[in-house]
Amino acid sequence: PAAGSYAINLRVATPNTGAQFQIKNSGGAVLATVNVPTTGGWQSWQTISTNINLVAGTQTIRLQSTTGAGWNINWLEVAGGTFVTARRAANVMVEELATSSVAVFPNPVQDAFTLSLDQNFKGNIKLRVVNSSGAVVREYRLQKTQLRSQDRISLGNLTPGIYILNISTMQGTISKQVIKQ
């Protein structure tokens, strides 16, 4: 990624008080210290956020618990900055999809939702619906030919819960959360 400030969003759960961890870089430097709120159970999830500063280039980060109070993590998302995708190994293309307009409505959803994408999304689009275990439960391929597109996406027959939409193009990938009722 490019050098800059990035939001780290984490889906966590714990029945314990005082749970805490640090986000560290590959050299062991502490980028952030995060307090995990008591959520009421090991599977009672809450999304928390913190900001970290990264230097340019490939990054390895790790989470290290700093207290004896245990906690669970469901997923981690890095948001902001510039997304980088390699094309044909040597040709690197940079697009600022982080500022793109992606709308999911209605959300929460009963059976289907509308996915609205702005002009920053071009050509072939792969949409993956990922469950809380990280498994891809649906996959769609869309072709965007207009400046703004709206596609109806079905979540029928999926169990109620929280899903992550991974929207991928040649320019990069961004994620959105959708709640299925």
Protein backbone atom coordinates (compact mmCIF):
# COMPACT_ATOMS: atom_id res chain seq x y z
CA PRO A 1 0.00 0.00 0.00
CA ALA A 2 0.89 3.64 -0.14
CA ALA A 3 2.23 5.32 2.99
CA GLY A 4 -0.50 6.80 5.14
CA SER A 5 -3.12 6.30 7.79
CA TYR A 6 -5.34 3.21 7.54
CA ALA A 7 -8.44 2.25 9.50
CA ILE A 8 -8.35 -1.25 10.96
CA ASN A 9 -11.86 -2.61 11.53
CA LEU A 10 -12.14 -5.81 13.57
CA ARG A 11 -15.13 -7.99 14.44
CA VAL A 12 -14.51 -9.20 18.01
CA ALA A 13 -16.31 -10.98 20.85
CA THR A 14 -15.56 -11.69 24.51
CA PRO A 15 -17.47 -12.27 27.74
CA ASN A 16 -14.39 -10.97 29.62
CA THR A 17 -13.54 -7.50 30.85
CA GLY A 18 -10.10 -6.00 30.33
CA ALA A 19 -9.27 -7.81 27.07
CA GLN A 20 -6.64 -5.96 25.07
CA PHE A 21 -4.26 -6.57 22.16
CA GLN A 22 -1.62 -4.73 20.19
CA ILE A 23 -1.26 -4.42 16.44
CA LYS A 24 2.42 -4.75 15.55
CA ASN A 25 4.43 -4.53 12.35
CA SER A 26 6.88 -7.22 11.24
CA GLY A 27 9.66 -5.52 13.21
CA GLY A 28 7.65 -5.74 16.44
CA ALA A 29 6.87 -2.03 16.70
CA VAL A 30 3.46 -1.33 18.25
CA LEU A 31 1.19 0.41 15.73
CA ALA A 32 -1.87 0.51 18.03
CA THR A 33 -3.16 -0.80 21.34
CA VAL A 34 -6.80 -1.89 21.20
CA ASN A 35 -9.19 -2.47 24.12
CA VAL A 36 -11.75 -5.18 23.35
CA PRO A 37 -15.17 -4.28 24.78
CA THR A 38 -17.16 -6.85 26.72
CA THR A 39 -19.72 -8.11 24.19
CA GLY A 40 -21.57 -10.59 26.41
CA GLY A 41 -20.31 -13.84 24.88
CA TRP A 42 -17.79 -15.64 22.70
CA GLN A 43 -20.08 -15.35 19.67
CA SER A 44 -21.68 -11.95 20.43
CA TRP A 45 -19.83 -9.94 17.80
CA GLN A 46 -19.08 -6.22 17.77
CA THR A 47 -17.08 -4.25 15.21
CA ILE A 48 -14.36 -2.00 16.63
CA SER A 49 -11.95 0.31 14.82
CA THR A 50 -8.54 1.88 15.26
CA ASN A 51 -6.14 3.78 13.00
CA ILE A 52 -2.56 2.83 12.18
CA ASN A 53 0.12 4.52 10.11
CA LEU A 54 1.93 2.39 7.53
CA VAL A 55 4.98 3.03 5.38
CA ALA A 56 4.81 2.36 1.63
CA GLY A 57 5.22 -1.23 0.44
CA THR A 58 4.09 -4.72 1.41
CA GLN A 59 3.13 -4.99 5.07
CA THR A 60 2.92 -7.81 7.59
CA ILE A 61 0.96 -7.01 10.73
CA ARG A 62 0.17 -9.21 13.69
CA LEU A 63 -2.18 -9.10 16.64
CA GLN A 64 -0.73 -9.88 20.06
CA SER A 65 -2.86 -10.24 23.18
CA THR A 66 -1.52 -8.15 26.06
CA THR A 67 -3.81 -9.42 28.85
CA GLY A 68 -4.91 -12.80 30.13
CA ALA A 69 -8.53 -12.04 29.23
CA GLY A 70 -9.34 -14.08 26.12
CA TRP A 71 -11.19 -12.77 23.08
CA ASN A 72 -12.32 -13.98 19.63
CA ILE A 73 -11.82 -12.33 16.26
CA ASN A 74 -14.18 -13.01 13.36
CA TRP A 75 -12.58 -10.82 10.68
CA LEU A 76 -10.21 -7.93 10.13
CA GLU A 77 -10.54 -5.23 7.46
CA VAL A 78 -7.98 -2.65 6.38
CA ALA A 79 -9.72 0.43 4.98
CA GLY A 80 -8.52 3.67 3.45
CA GLY A 81 -5.37 4.46 1.57
CA THR A 82 -4.81 3.24 -1.97
CA PHE A 83 -5.46 -0.30 -3.18
CA VAL A 84 -2.77 -1.86 -5.35
CA THR A 85 -3.25 -4.74 -7.77
CA ALA A 86 -0.50 -6.33 -9.87
CA ARG A 87 -1.33 -6.90 -13.52
CA ARG A 88 0.94 -9.34 -15.41
CA ALA A 89 3.38 -9.39 -12.47
CA ALA A 90 5.40 -6.30 -13.46
CA ASN A 91 2.75 -3.78 -14.45
CA VAL A 92 1.31 -2.32 -11.24
CA MET A 93 -1.92 -0.38 -11.41
CA VAL A 94 -3.07 1.89 -8.58
CA GLU A 95 -6.70 2.93 -8.19
CA GLU A 96 -8.36 4.78 -5.35
CA LEU A 97 -11.35 2.48 -4.89
CA ALA A 98 -11.48 3.38 -1.21
CA THR A 99 -13.23 6.63 -2.12
CA SER A 100 -15.63 4.94 -4.55
CA SER A 101 -19.35 4.95 -4.01
CA VAL A 102 -20.74 1.51 -3.23
CA ALA A 103 -24.29 1.29 -1.92
CA VAL A 104 -26.11 -1.78 -0.64
CA PHE A 105 -29.83 -1.34 -0.04
CA PRO A 106 -31.94 -2.30 1.73
CA ASN A 107 -29.61 -3.34 4.52
CA PRO A 108 -30.66 -5.36 6.51
CA VAL A 109 -32.08 -7.46 3.67
CA GLN A 110 -34.79 -10.13 3.57
CA ASP A 111 -34.17 -11.93 0.25
CA ALA A 112 -32.43 -9.60 -2.21
CA PHE A 113 -30.62 -6.27 -2.22
CA THR A 114 -29.54 -3.73 -4.82
CA LEU A 115 -25.81 -3.20 -5.35
CA SER A 116 -25.04 0.26 -6.73
CA LEU A 117 -21.54 0.98 -8.10
CA ASP A 118 -20.16 4.30 -9.34
CA GLN A 119 -17.88 5.10 -12.30
CA ASN A 120 -14.70 3.93 -10.50
CA PHE A 121 -15.80 0.33 -11.09
CA LYS A 122 -15.19 -0.80 -14.66
CA GLY A 123 -15.67 -3.93 -16.79
CA ASN A 124 -15.91 -7.38 -15.24
CA ILE A 125 -16.83 -7.44 -11.57
CA LYS A 126 -16.68 -10.46 -9.30
CA LEU A 127 -18.94 -10.35 -6.25
CA ARG A 128 -18.38 -12.89 -3.50
CA VAL A 129 -20.68 -13.30 -0.51
CA VAL A 130 -18.67 -14.56 2.48
CA ASN A 131 -20.19 -15.91 5.71
CA SER A 132 -18.91 -15.34 9.25
CA SER A 133 -16.70 -18.45 8.99
CA GLY A 134 -14.92 -17.00 5.95
CA ALA A 135 -16.50 -19.39 3.45
CA VAL A 136 -17.71 -18.10 0.06
CA VAL A 137 -21.43 -18.95 -0.01
CA ARG A 138 -22.38 -17.16 -3.24
CA GLU A 139 -20.46 -15.83 -6.21
CA TYR A 140 -21.71 -13.53 -8.96
CA ARG A 141 -20.07 -12.15 -12.09
CA LEU A 142 -21.29 -8.76 -13.28
CA GLN A 143 -20.43 -6.71 -16.35
CA LYS A 144 -20.47 -2.95 -15.79
CA THR A 145 -21.09 -0.96 -18.96
CA GLN A 146 -22.59 2.26 -17.55
CA LEU A 147 -21.18 5.07 -15.41
CA ARG A 148 -23.38 3.95 -12.52
CA SER A 149 -24.88 0.49 -12.34
CA GLN A 150 -27.45 -1.14 -10.12
CA ASP A 151 -27.75 -4.91 -9.89
CA ARG A 152 -30.25 -6.96 -7.89
CA ILE A 153 -28.43 -9.62 -5.81
CA SER A 154 -30.28 -12.53 -4.19
CA LEU A 155 -29.45 -13.87 -0.74
CA GLY A 156 -32.48 -16.17 -0.69
CA ASN A 157 -31.98 -19.50 1.14
CA LEU A 158 -29.03 -18.14 3.15
CA THR A 159 -29.37 -18.32 6.92
CA PRO A 160 -29.86 -15.02 8.75
CA GLY A 161 -26.61 -13.40 9.81
CA ILE A 162 -23.84 -11.01 8.86
CA TYR A 163 -22.14 -11.46 5.48
CA ILE A 164 -19.25 -9.65 3.81
CA LEU A 165 -19.50 -8.66 0.14
CA ASN A 166 -16.11 -8.73 -1.58
CA ILE A 167 -16.38 -6.66 -4.76
CA SER A 168 -13.38 -7.26 -7.06
CA THR A 169 -12.35 -5.62 -10.33
CA MET A 170 -9.05 -5.21 -12.16
CA GLN A 171 -8.63 -2.01 -10.12
CA GLY A 172 -8.77 -3.80 -6.74
CA THR A 173 -11.16 -5.14 -4.13
CA ILE A 174 -13.34 -3.50 -1.50
CA SER A 175 -15.66 -5.05 1.05
CA LYS A 176 -19.09 -4.14 2.39
CA GLN A 177 -21.10 -5.70 5.18
CA VAL A 178 -24.68 -6.86 4.65
CA ILE A 179 -27.09 -8.24 7.24
CA LYS A 180 -29.48 -11.02 6.14
CA GLN A 181 -32.66 -11.21 8.24
